[in-house]
Amino acid sequence: MTNLIVIRGGGDLASGVALRLHRAGFQLVILELEKPLAVRRTVSFSEAVYEGMQTVEGTTARLVSPDQIQGTIEAGEIPVLVDPQANILRNQFLTSPRFTFVVDARLLKVPPEPLGVNIPLHIGLGPGFSAGENCQAVIETRRGHTMGRVYWSGSAQADSGEPDGDRRRVLRATHTGALIAHVNIGDHLEEGQLIAEIQPEDGDENFSILSPFPGMLRGLIHPDIRVTRGMKIGDVDRRNDPAMYKLVSDKALAVGGAVLEVLLTFLKSTENK
C-alpha cells in the first residue's frame, strides 16, 4: 500500500513542504480550516478553500470532498480538504493507520491537541512539539544555523515572539473586526500608503493599516476575514522584488527538505521489518 502524507495546514510554510513532497513523488492531502488565515496567499495552497483551486510554482491544489481525494492525487494534483480536526485519520476507508503519516505544519507554537489515533510517524514543525512526547520528530523552523534541522529527541527553539528581520514588516490588526483591503499582493507601496482598513464590530469608524516603509506587499490575509487585535494580517517586503510574492520562501523549502529527510529515514528503517 502507498503511504499517504497528511499535512495539517496549507499556509506558506506548509505549502513549501507540500511542494517538496509532491515533486518527490509522495501522495499527500492538505487539511485546512473553513476560513484559512494564510497571509502569503499567492504561495499558499490553503487559498484553494476560497477559490476552488490554487497553483503554486506550477503545482495545483484543489478543494475536494473526501471521496475525491484519490482521484485528485491520480490526476497529479494535491487535494485540499476542510478538516481542521483531522477527522480523516479516523476514516479507515480513506486512510490506513499503518501507512498514514502526519506533518503538523499549522505553526500553532503551542503543544498540539492529541491526534487520538495511532500512526507510525508524526512530524511536528517548530515550537510546541517535543520528539518522543507529542510526535516522533521535530523540525526547527526558526531562522539561523539550526533552521531545517531534524530532532529525534528534544524540542525546537521556543517562539521568540518576534518576526525575522525588521519587525515593522509584519502587519498586525490594531483592533478586532472585518478586514477591508485597498491594495493587492504584489503591489508597490509608498511609506504611509493605505493598505487596508479594519471595520470594528461596534460600528465605530474604520481603523487604517498603513505601509511602514516603501516596498512590496508580500502578503495580506483574505479580505473580509474577522481579525482579532494583534493577529498577523500582512507582510511588506522592502526589497520590492516582484518575483518574490510568487515564489515559496527559502525557509519553506529548507523545512520541506527536512521533512523529506525524516520520511526517507523512517521508510529506510522500516523497509526490512
C-alpha atoms as a PDB file:
ATOM      1  CA  MET A   1       0.000   0.000   0.000  1.00  0.00           C
ATOM      2  CA  THR A   2       1.269   3.507  -0.841  1.00  0.00           C
ATOM      3  CA  ASN A   3       1.941   5.863   2.051  1.00  0.00           C
ATOM      4  CA  LEU A   4      -0.283   8.913   2.386  1.00  0.00           C
ATOM      5  CA  ILE A   5       1.159  12.089   3.902  1.00  0.00           C
ATOM      6  CA  VAL A   6      -1.432  14.190   5.736  1.00  0.00           C
ATOM      7  CA  ILE A   7      -0.280  17.811   6.079  1.00  0.00           C
ATOM      8  CA  ARG A   8      -2.170  19.840   8.656  1.00  0.00           C
ATOM      9  CA  GLY A   9      -2.192  23.439   7.430  1.00  0.00           C
ATOM     10  CA  GLY A  10      -1.822  24.944   3.987  1.00  0.00           C
ATOM     11  CA  GLY A  11      -0.038  28.240   4.653  1.00  0.00           C
ATOM     12  CA  ASP A  12       3.204  29.318   3.006  1.00  0.00           C
ATOM     13  CA  LEU A  13       5.496  27.113   5.118  1.00  0.00           C
ATOM     14  CA  ALA A  14       3.201  24.092   4.787  1.00  0.00           C
ATOM     15  CA  SER A  15       2.960  24.724   1.043  1.00  0.00           C
ATOM     16  CA  GLY A  16       6.745  24.651   0.707  1.00  0.00           C
ATOM     17  CA  VAL A  17       6.678  21.259   2.424  1.00  0.00           C
ATOM     18  CA  ALA A  18       3.874  20.080   0.142  1.00  0.00           C
ATOM     19  CA  LEU A  19       5.765  21.191  -2.972  1.00  0.00           C
ATOM     20  CA  ARG A  20       8.894  19.283  -1.969  1.00  0.00           C
ATOM     21  CA  LEU A  21       6.984  16.090  -1.157  1.00  0.00           C
ATOM     22  CA  HIS A  22       4.787  16.282  -4.246  1.00  0.00           C
ATOM     23  CA  ARG A  23       7.798  16.792  -6.507  1.00  0.00           C
ATOM     24  CA  ALA A  24       9.489  13.806  -4.845  1.00  0.00           C
ATOM     25  CA  GLY A  25       6.514  11.605  -5.727  1.00  0.00           C
ATOM     26  CA  PHE A  26       4.726  11.307  -2.385  1.00  0.00           C
ATOM     27  CA  GLN A  27       0.950  11.168  -2.199  1.00  0.00           C
ATOM     28  CA  LEU A  28      -0.436  13.806   0.124  1.00  0.00           C
ATOM     29  CA  VAL A  29      -3.508  15.662   1.271  1.00  0.00           C
ATOM     30  CA  ILE A  30      -3.685  19.076   2.949  1.00  0.00           C
ATOM     31  CA  LEU A  31      -6.151  19.716   5.783  1.00  0.00           C
ATOM     32  CA  GLU A  32      -7.342  23.258   6.407  1.00  0.00           C
ATOM     33  CA  LEU A  33      -9.733  25.493   8.299  1.00  0.00           C
ATOM     34  CA  GLU A  34     -13.093  26.598   6.896  1.00  0.00           C
ATOM     35  CA  LYS A  35     -11.570  30.096   6.604  1.00  0.00           C
ATOM     36  CA  PRO A  36      -7.785  29.791   6.310  1.00  0.00           C
ATOM     37  CA  LEU A  37      -5.689  32.602   7.772  1.00  0.00           C
ATOM     38  CA  ALA A  38      -2.660  32.489   5.469  1.00  0.00           C
ATOM     39  CA  VAL A  39      -1.014  35.851   4.770  1.00  0.00           C
ATOM     40  CA  ARG A  40       1.212  34.887   1.831  1.00  0.00           C
ATOM     41  CA  ARG A  41      -1.821  33.681  -0.071  1.00  0.00           C
ATOM     42  CA  THR A  42      -0.201  33.647  -3.538  1.00  0.00           C
ATOM     43  CA  VAL A  43       2.104  30.832  -2.388  1.00  0.00           C
ATOM     44  CA  SER A  44      -0.318  29.052  -0.064  1.00  0.00           C
ATOM     45  CA  PHE A  45      -2.335  26.034  -1.143  1.00  0.00           C
ATOM     46  CA  SER A  46      -4.882  26.986   1.515  1.00  0.00           C
ATOM     47  CA  GLU A  47      -6.204  29.559  -0.947  1.00  0.00           C
ATOM     48  CA  ALA A  48      -7.915  26.653  -2.725  1.00  0.00           C
ATOM     49  CA  VAL A  49     -10.509  26.731   0.080  1.00  0.00           C
ATOM     50  CA  TYR A  50     -11.625  30.169  -1.136  1.00  0.00           C
ATOM     51  CA  GLU A  51     -11.003  29.829  -4.873  1.00  0.00           C
ATOM     52  CA  GLY A  52     -11.606  26.122  -5.520  1.00  0.00           C
ATOM     53  CA  MET A  53      -8.049  25.618  -6.743  1.00  0.00           C
ATOM     54  CA  GLN A  54      -4.630  27.198  -6.290  1.00  0.00           C
ATOM     55  CA  THR A  55      -1.453  26.825  -8.350  1.00  0.00           C
ATOM     56  CA  VAL A  56       1.932  27.485  -6.759  1.00  0.00           C
ATOM     57  CA  GLU A  57       5.108  27.191  -8.847  1.00  0.00           C
ATOM     58  CA  GLY A  58       3.367  25.001 -11.395  1.00  0.00           C
ATOM     59  CA  THR A  59       1.712  22.624  -8.912  1.00  0.00           C
ATOM     60  CA  THR A  60      -2.055  22.748  -8.472  1.00  0.00           C
ATOM     61  CA  ALA A  61      -4.051  22.032  -5.336  1.00  0.00           C
ATOM     62  CA  ARG A  62      -7.814  21.543  -5.460  1.00  0.00           C
ATOM     63  CA  LEU A  63     -10.549  21.785  -2.839  1.00  0.00           C
ATOM     64  CA  VAL A  64     -12.223  18.373  -2.663  1.00  0.00           C
ATOM     65  CA  SER A  65     -14.641  16.236  -0.710  1.00  0.00           C
ATOM     66  CA  PRO A  66     -13.285  13.065   0.934  1.00  0.00           C
ATOM     67  CA  ASP A  67     -14.441  10.803  -1.901  1.00  0.00           C
ATOM     68  CA  GLN A  68     -12.453  12.884  -4.415  1.00  0.00           C
ATOM     69  CA  ILE A  69      -9.070  12.592  -2.699  1.00  0.00           C
ATOM     70  CA  GLN A  70      -7.702   9.591  -4.570  1.00  0.00           C
ATOM     71  CA  GLY A  71      -8.887  10.798  -7.966  1.00  0.00           C
ATOM     72  CA  THR A  72      -7.261  14.183  -7.381  1.00  0.00           C
ATOM     73  CA  ILE A  73      -3.966  12.530  -6.445  1.00  0.00           C
ATOM     74  CA  GLU A  74      -4.107  10.331  -9.546  1.00  0.00           C
ATOM     75  CA  ALA A  75      -4.663  13.473 -11.654  1.00  0.00           C
ATOM     76  CA  GLY A  76      -1.348  14.846 -10.402  1.00  0.00           C
ATOM     77  CA  GLU A  77      -2.871  17.468  -8.115  1.00  0.00           C
ATOM     78  CA  ILE A  78      -2.844  17.984  -4.359  1.00  0.00           C
ATOM     79  CA  PRO A  79      -6.223  17.540  -2.648  1.00  0.00           C
ATOM     80  CA  VAL A  80      -7.206  20.115  -0.026  1.00  0.00           C
ATOM     81  CA  LEU A  81      -9.837  19.113   2.499  1.00  0.00           C
ATOM     82  CA  VAL A  82     -11.614  21.301   5.051  1.00  0.00           C
ATOM     83  CA  ASP A  83     -10.901  19.207   8.113  1.00  0.00           C
ATOM     84  CA  PRO A  84      -9.363  21.203  10.990  1.00  0.00           C
ATOM     85  CA  GLN A  85      -9.764  18.338  13.461  1.00  0.00           C
ATOM     86  CA  ALA A  86      -8.068  15.790  11.157  1.00  0.00           C
ATOM     87  CA  ASN A  87     -11.111  13.534  11.226  1.00  0.00           C
ATOM     88  CA  ILE A  88      -9.804  11.898   8.058  1.00  0.00           C
ATOM     89  CA  LEU A  89      -7.414   9.938  10.273  1.00  0.00           C
ATOM     90  CA  ARG A  90     -10.387   8.137  11.825  1.00  0.00           C
ATOM     91  CA  ASN A  91     -11.844   7.108   8.448  1.00  0.00           C
ATOM     92  CA  GLN A  92     -10.157   3.835   7.513  1.00  0.00           C
ATOM     93  CA  PHE A  93     -11.851   3.877   4.114  1.00  0.00           C
ATOM     94  CA  LEU A  94      -9.602   6.831   3.300  1.00  0.00           C
ATOM     95  CA  THR A  95      -6.515   6.247   5.414  1.00  0.00           C
ATOM     96  CA  SER A  96      -4.716   3.305   6.966  1.00  0.00           C
ATOM     97  CA  PRO A  97      -3.208   3.733  10.439  1.00  0.00           C
ATOM     98  CA  ARG A  98      -0.244   1.688   9.247  1.00  0.00           C
ATOM     99  CA  PHE A  99       0.536   3.671   6.115  1.00  0.00           C
ATOM    100  CA  THR A 100      -0.539   7.226   7.007  1.00  0.00           C
ATOM    101  CA  PHE A 101       1.985   9.819   8.218  1.00  0.00           C
ATOM    102  CA  VAL A 102       1.155  13.260   9.616  1.00  0.00           C
ATOM    103  CA  VAL A 103       3.056  16.529   9.223  1.00  0.00           C
ATOM    104  CA  ASP A 104       1.706  19.228  11.527  1.00  0.00           C
ATOM    105  CA  ALA A 105       2.567  22.478   9.746  1.00  0.00           C
ATOM    106  CA  ARG A 106      -0.031  24.711  11.392  1.00  0.00           C
ATOM    107  CA  LEU A 107       2.642  26.604  13.382  1.00  0.00           C
ATOM    108  CA  LEU A 108       0.399  26.935  16.417  1.00  0.00           C
ATOM    109  CA  LYS A 109       3.563  27.435  18.550  1.00  0.00           C
ATOM    110  CA  VAL A 110       1.929  25.642  21.484  1.00  0.00           C
ATOM    111  CA  PRO A 111       1.658  21.919  22.254  1.00  0.00           C
ATOM    112  CA  PRO A 112      -0.994  20.443  19.930  1.00  0.00           C
ATOM    113  CA  GLU A 113      -4.050  18.530  20.989  1.00  0.00           C
ATOM    114  CA  PRO A 114      -3.548  14.708  20.842  1.00  0.00           C
ATOM    115  CA  LEU A 115      -4.328  13.143  17.473  1.00  0.00           C
ATOM    116  CA  GLY A 116      -6.485  10.482  19.107  1.00  0.00           C
ATOM    117  CA  VAL A 117      -5.247   7.774  16.738  1.00  0.00           C
ATOM    118  CA  ASN A 118      -2.047   5.773  16.492  1.00  0.00           C
ATOM    119  CA  ILE A 119       0.076   6.472  13.439  1.00  0.00           C
ATOM    120  CA  PRO A 120       3.646   5.330  12.737  1.00  0.00           C
ATOM    121  CA  LEU A 121       5.122   8.776  12.065  1.00  0.00           C
ATOM    122  CA  HIS A 122       4.058  12.205  13.322  1.00  0.00           C
ATOM    123  CA  ILE A 123       6.312  15.138  12.359  1.00  0.00           C
ATOM    124  CA  GLY A 124       5.957  18.461  14.159  1.00  0.00           C
ATOM    125  CA  LEU A 125       7.187  21.777  12.773  1.00  0.00           C
ATOM    126  CA  GLY A 126       8.511  24.380  15.161  1.00  0.00           C
ATOM    127  CA  PRO A 127       7.686  25.345  18.762  1.00  0.00           C
ATOM    128  CA  GLY A 128       5.192  23.293  20.746  1.00  0.00           C
ATOM    129  CA  PHE A 129       6.471  19.907  19.627  1.00  0.00           C
ATOM    130  CA  SER A 130       8.718  17.585  21.606  1.00  0.00           C
ATOM    131  CA  ALA A 131      10.037  14.444  19.933  1.00  0.00           C
ATOM    132  CA  GLY A 132       9.181  11.368  21.947  1.00  0.00           C
ATOM    133  CA  GLU A 133       6.303  13.112  23.693  1.00  0.00           C
ATOM    134  CA  ASN A 134       3.767  14.518  21.204  1.00  0.00           C
ATOM    135  CA  CYS A 135       5.452  13.467  17.930  1.00  0.00           C
ATOM    136  CA  GLN A 136       8.280  11.285  16.630  1.00  0.00           C
ATOM    137  CA  ALA A 137      10.392  14.031  15.019  1.00  0.00           C
ATOM    138  CA  VAL A 138      10.628  17.807  15.333  1.00  0.00           C
ATOM    139  CA  ILE A 139      11.954  20.215  12.707  1.00  0.00           C
ATOM    140  CA  GLU A 140      13.412  23.596  13.581  1.00  0.00           C
ATOM    141  CA  THR A 141      11.629  26.469  11.832  1.00  0.00           C
ATOM    142  CA  ARG A 142      13.410  29.439  13.378  1.00  0.00           C
ATOM    143  CA  ARG A 143      15.929  31.140  11.078  1.00  0.00           C
ATOM    144  CA  GLY A 144      19.592  30.649  11.892  1.00  0.00           C
ATOM    145  CA  HIS A 145      22.156  27.845  11.733  1.00  0.00           C
ATOM    146  CA  THR A 146      19.673  25.329  13.138  1.00  0.00           C
ATOM    147  CA  MET A 147      16.815  26.056  10.721  1.00  0.00           C
ATOM    148  CA  GLY A 148      15.705  22.877   8.984  1.00  0.00           C
ATOM    149  CA  ARG A 149      17.475  20.580  11.427  1.00  0.00           C
ATOM    150  CA  VAL A 150      15.739  17.370  12.492  1.00  0.00           C
ATOM    151  CA  TYR A 151      15.448  16.363  16.143  1.00  0.00           C
ATOM    152  CA  TRP A 152      14.503  12.794  17.010  1.00  0.00           C
ATOM    153  CA  SER A 153      14.579  13.791  20.668  1.00  0.00           C
ATOM    154  CA  GLY A 154      14.031  17.160  22.290  1.00  0.00           C
ATOM    155  CA  SER A 155      12.259  20.259  21.030  1.00  0.00           C
ATOM    156  CA  ALA A 156      12.602  23.133  18.604  1.00  0.00           C
ATOM    157  CA  GLN A 157      13.529  26.570  19.920  1.00  0.00           C
ATOM    158  CA  ALA A 158      10.807  28.394  21.800  1.00  0.00           C
ATOM    159  CA  ASP A 159       8.840  31.050  19.971  1.00  0.00           C
ATOM    160  CA  SER A 160      10.703  34.371  20.235  1.00  0.00           C
ATOM    161  CA  GLY A 161       7.562  36.379  19.595  1.00  0.00           C
ATOM    162  CA  GLU A 162       9.455  38.440  17.016  1.00  0.00           C
ATOM    163  CA  PRO A 163       9.475  38.112  13.197  1.00  0.00           C
ATOM    164  CA  ASP A 164      12.653  37.624  11.186  1.00  0.00           C
ATOM    165  CA  GLY A 165      14.331  40.870  10.120  1.00  0.00           C
ATOM    166  CA  ASP A 166      12.653  44.252  10.517  1.00  0.00           C
ATOM    167  CA  ARG A 167       9.722  43.719  12.868  1.00  0.00           C
ATOM    168  CA  ARG A 168       7.812  46.545  11.152  1.00  0.00           C
ATOM    169  CA  ARG A 169       7.383  44.419   8.028  1.00  0.00           C
ATOM    170  CA  VAL A 170       4.753  42.288   9.757  1.00  0.00           C
ATOM    171  CA  LEU A 171       1.361  43.986   9.794  1.00  0.00           C
ATOM    172  CA  ARG A 172      -0.883  43.219  12.745  1.00  0.00           C
ATOM    173  CA  ALA A 173      -4.502  44.016  13.421  1.00  0.00           C
ATOM    174  CA  THR A 174      -4.840  47.040  15.660  1.00  0.00           C
ATOM    175  CA  HIS A 175      -8.457  46.183  16.521  1.00  0.00           C
ATOM    176  CA  THR A 176     -10.992  43.374  16.190  1.00  0.00           C
ATOM    177  CA  GLY A 177     -13.263  43.486  13.160  1.00  0.00           C
ATOM    178  CA  ALA A 178     -13.555  42.773   9.425  1.00  0.00           C
ATOM    179  CA  LEU A 179     -10.593  43.472   7.135  1.00  0.00           C
ATOM    180  CA  ILE A 180     -11.213  45.600   4.035  1.00  0.00           C
ATOM    181  CA  ALA A 181      -8.295  45.516   1.569  1.00  0.00           C
ATOM    182  CA  HIS A 182      -7.324  48.507  -0.572  1.00  0.00           C
ATOM    183  CA  VAL A 183      -4.330  47.009  -2.414  1.00  0.00           C
ATOM    184  CA  ASN A 184      -3.344  43.630  -3.829  1.00  0.00           C
ATOM    185  CA  ILE A 185      -0.491  41.299  -3.011  1.00  0.00           C
ATOM    186  CA  GLY A 186       2.425  42.223  -5.271  1.00  0.00           C
ATOM    187  CA  ASP A 187       1.581  45.919  -5.392  1.00  0.00           C
ATOM    188  CA  HIS A 188       4.285  48.521  -4.766  1.00  0.00           C
ATOM    189  CA  LEU A 189       3.657  50.623  -1.666  1.00  0.00           C
ATOM    190  CA  GLU A 190       4.869  54.001  -0.531  1.00  0.00           C
ATOM    191  CA  GLU A 191       5.540  54.737   3.113  1.00  0.00           C
ATOM    192  CA  GLY A 192       2.273  55.639   4.823  1.00  0.00           C
ATOM    193  CA  GLN A 193       0.093  54.290   1.997  1.00  0.00           C
ATOM    194  CA  LEU A 194      -3.264  52.817   2.991  1.00  0.00           C
ATOM    195  CA  ILE A 195      -3.138  49.012   2.758  1.00  0.00           C
ATOM    196  CA  ALA A 196      -6.382  48.050   4.464  1.00  0.00           C
ATOM    197  CA  GLU A 197      -8.990  49.112   6.975  1.00  0.00           C
ATOM    198  CA  ILE A 198     -10.459  47.252   9.904  1.00  0.00           C
ATOM    199  CA  GLN A 199     -14.188  47.732  10.291  1.00  0.00           C
ATOM    200  CA  PRO A 200     -14.916  47.310  14.016  1.00  0.00           C
ATOM    201  CA  GLU A 201     -17.847  45.248  15.170  1.00  0.00           C
ATOM    202  CA  ASP A 202     -19.274  48.091  17.270  1.00  0.00           C
ATOM    203  CA  GLY A 203     -19.931  50.208  14.179  1.00  0.00           C
ATOM    204  CA  ASP A 204     -17.311  52.795  15.087  1.00  0.00           C
ATOM    205  CA  GLU A 205     -15.200  54.392  12.348  1.00  0.00           C
ATOM    206  CA  ASN A 206     -12.718  52.205  10.475  1.00  0.00           C
ATOM    207  CA  PHE A 207      -9.087  51.901  11.557  1.00  0.00           C
ATOM    208  CA  SER A 208      -6.365  52.240   8.911  1.00  0.00           C
ATOM    209  CA  ILE A 209      -3.439  49.889   8.293  1.00  0.00           C
ATOM    210  CA  LEU A 210      -0.592  51.834   6.645  1.00  0.00           C
ATOM    211  CA  SER A 211       2.635  50.730   4.988  1.00  0.00           C
ATOM    212  CA  PRO A 212       5.563  51.162   7.404  1.00  0.00           C
ATOM    213  CA  PHE A 213       8.071  51.864   4.600  1.00  0.00           C
ATOM    214  CA  PRO A 214       8.359  51.744   0.792  1.00  0.00           C
ATOM    215  CA  GLY A 215       8.248  48.216  -0.596  1.00  0.00           C
ATOM    216  CA  MET A 216       6.043  45.485  -1.990  1.00  0.00           C
ATOM    217  CA  LEU A 217       3.006  43.930  -0.364  1.00  0.00           C
ATOM    218  CA  ARG A 218       4.219  40.352   0.064  1.00  0.00           C
ATOM    219  CA  GLY A 219       1.130  39.069   1.798  1.00  0.00           C
ATOM    220  CA  LEU A 220      -2.309  40.024   3.101  1.00  0.00           C
ATOM    221  CA  ILE A 221      -4.906  37.918   4.851  1.00  0.00           C
ATOM    222  CA  HIS A 222      -8.055  37.124   2.868  1.00  0.00           C
ATOM    223  CA  PRO A 223     -10.451  40.119   2.680  1.00  0.00           C
ATOM    224  CA  ASP A 224     -13.500  40.201   4.965  1.00  0.00           C
ATOM    225  CA  ILE A 225     -11.894  37.800   7.449  1.00  0.00           C
ATOM    226  CA  ARG A 226     -12.765  38.646  11.032  1.00  0.00           C
ATOM    227  CA  VAL A 227      -9.450  39.588  12.571  1.00  0.00           C
ATOM    228  CA  THR A 228      -8.595  39.988  16.223  1.00  0.00           C
ATOM    229  CA  ARG A 229      -6.317  42.522  17.834  1.00  0.00           C
ATOM    230  CA  GLY A 230      -2.669  41.537  17.444  1.00  0.00           C
ATOM    231  CA  MET A 231      -3.299  38.973  14.677  1.00  0.00           C
ATOM    232  CA  LYS A 232      -0.784  38.871  11.830  1.00  0.00           C
ATOM    233  CA  ILE A 233      -2.601  40.182   8.764  1.00  0.00           C
ATOM    234  CA  GLY A 234       0.084  41.242   6.281  1.00  0.00           C
ATOM    235  CA  ASP A 235       3.727  41.431   5.253  1.00  0.00           C
ATOM    236  CA  VAL A 236       5.600  44.241   3.491  1.00  0.00           C
ATOM    237  CA  ASP A 237       8.945  43.491   1.783  1.00  0.00           C
ATOM    238  CA  ARG A 238      11.261  46.480   1.366  1.00  0.00           C
ATOM    239  CA  ARG A 239      13.316  44.627  -1.295  1.00  0.00           C
ATOM    240  CA  ASN A 240      10.460  45.350  -3.691  1.00  0.00           C
ATOM    241  CA  ASP A 241      11.246  42.359  -5.932  1.00  0.00           C
ATOM    242  CA  PRO A 242       8.039  41.474  -7.845  1.00  0.00           C
ATOM    243  CA  ALA A 243       9.132  37.840  -8.263  1.00  0.00           C
ATOM    244  CA  MET A 244       9.165  37.184  -4.534  1.00  0.00           C
ATOM    245  CA  TYR A 245       5.447  37.138  -3.939  1.00  0.00           C
ATOM    246  CA  LYS A 246       5.064  34.279  -6.438  1.00  0.00           C
ATOM    247  CA  LEU A 247       7.798  32.024  -5.014  1.00  0.00           C
ATOM    248  CA  VAL A 248       7.812  29.960  -1.838  1.00  0.00           C
ATOM    249  CA  SER A 249      10.484  31.135   0.571  1.00  0.00           C
ATOM    250  CA  ASP A 250      13.919  29.681   1.177  1.00  0.00           C
ATOM    251  CA  LYS A 251      12.714  28.891   4.691  1.00  0.00           C
ATOM    252  CA  ALA A 252       9.739  26.879   3.427  1.00  0.00           C
ATOM    253  CA  LEU A 253      11.938  24.897   1.040  1.00  0.00           C
ATOM    254  CA  ALA A 254      14.523  24.222   3.762  1.00  0.00           C
ATOM    255  CA  VAL A 255      11.865  22.929   6.142  1.00  0.00           C
ATOM    256  CA  GLY A 256      10.351  20.899   3.291  1.00  0.00           C
ATOM    257  CA  GLY A 257      13.739  19.291   2.692  1.00  0.00           C
ATOM    258  CA  ALA A 258      13.932  18.379   6.371  1.00  0.00           C
ATOM    259  CA  VAL A 259      10.506  16.727   6.222  1.00  0.00           C
ATOM    260  CA  LEU A 260      11.699  14.738   3.228  1.00  0.00           C
ATOM    261  CA  GLU A 261      14.775  13.672   5.239  1.00  0.00           C
ATOM    262  CA  VAL A 262      12.568  12.417   8.070  1.00  0.00           C
ATOM    263  CA  LEU A 263      10.316  10.465   5.721  1.00  0.00           C
ATOM    264  CA  LEU A 264      13.186   8.780   3.868  1.00  0.00           C
ATOM    265  CA  THR A 265      14.998   7.979   7.119  1.00  0.00           C
ATOM    266  CA  PHE A 266      11.876   6.432   8.614  1.00  0.00           C
ATOM    267  CA  LEU A 267      10.988   4.445   5.499  1.00  0.00           C
ATOM    268  CA  LYS A 268      14.532   3.093   5.218  1.00  0.00           C
ATOM    269  CA  SER A 269      14.483   1.993   8.866  1.00  0.00           C
ATOM    270  CA  THR A 270      11.232   0.080   8.376  1.00  0.00           C
ATOM    271  CA  GLU A 271      11.677  -1.394   4.881  1.00  0.00           C
ATOM    272  CA  ASN A 272      13.044  -4.689   6.144  1.00  0.00           C
ATOM    273  CA  LYS A 273      10.653  -5.087   9.060  1.00  0.00           C
END
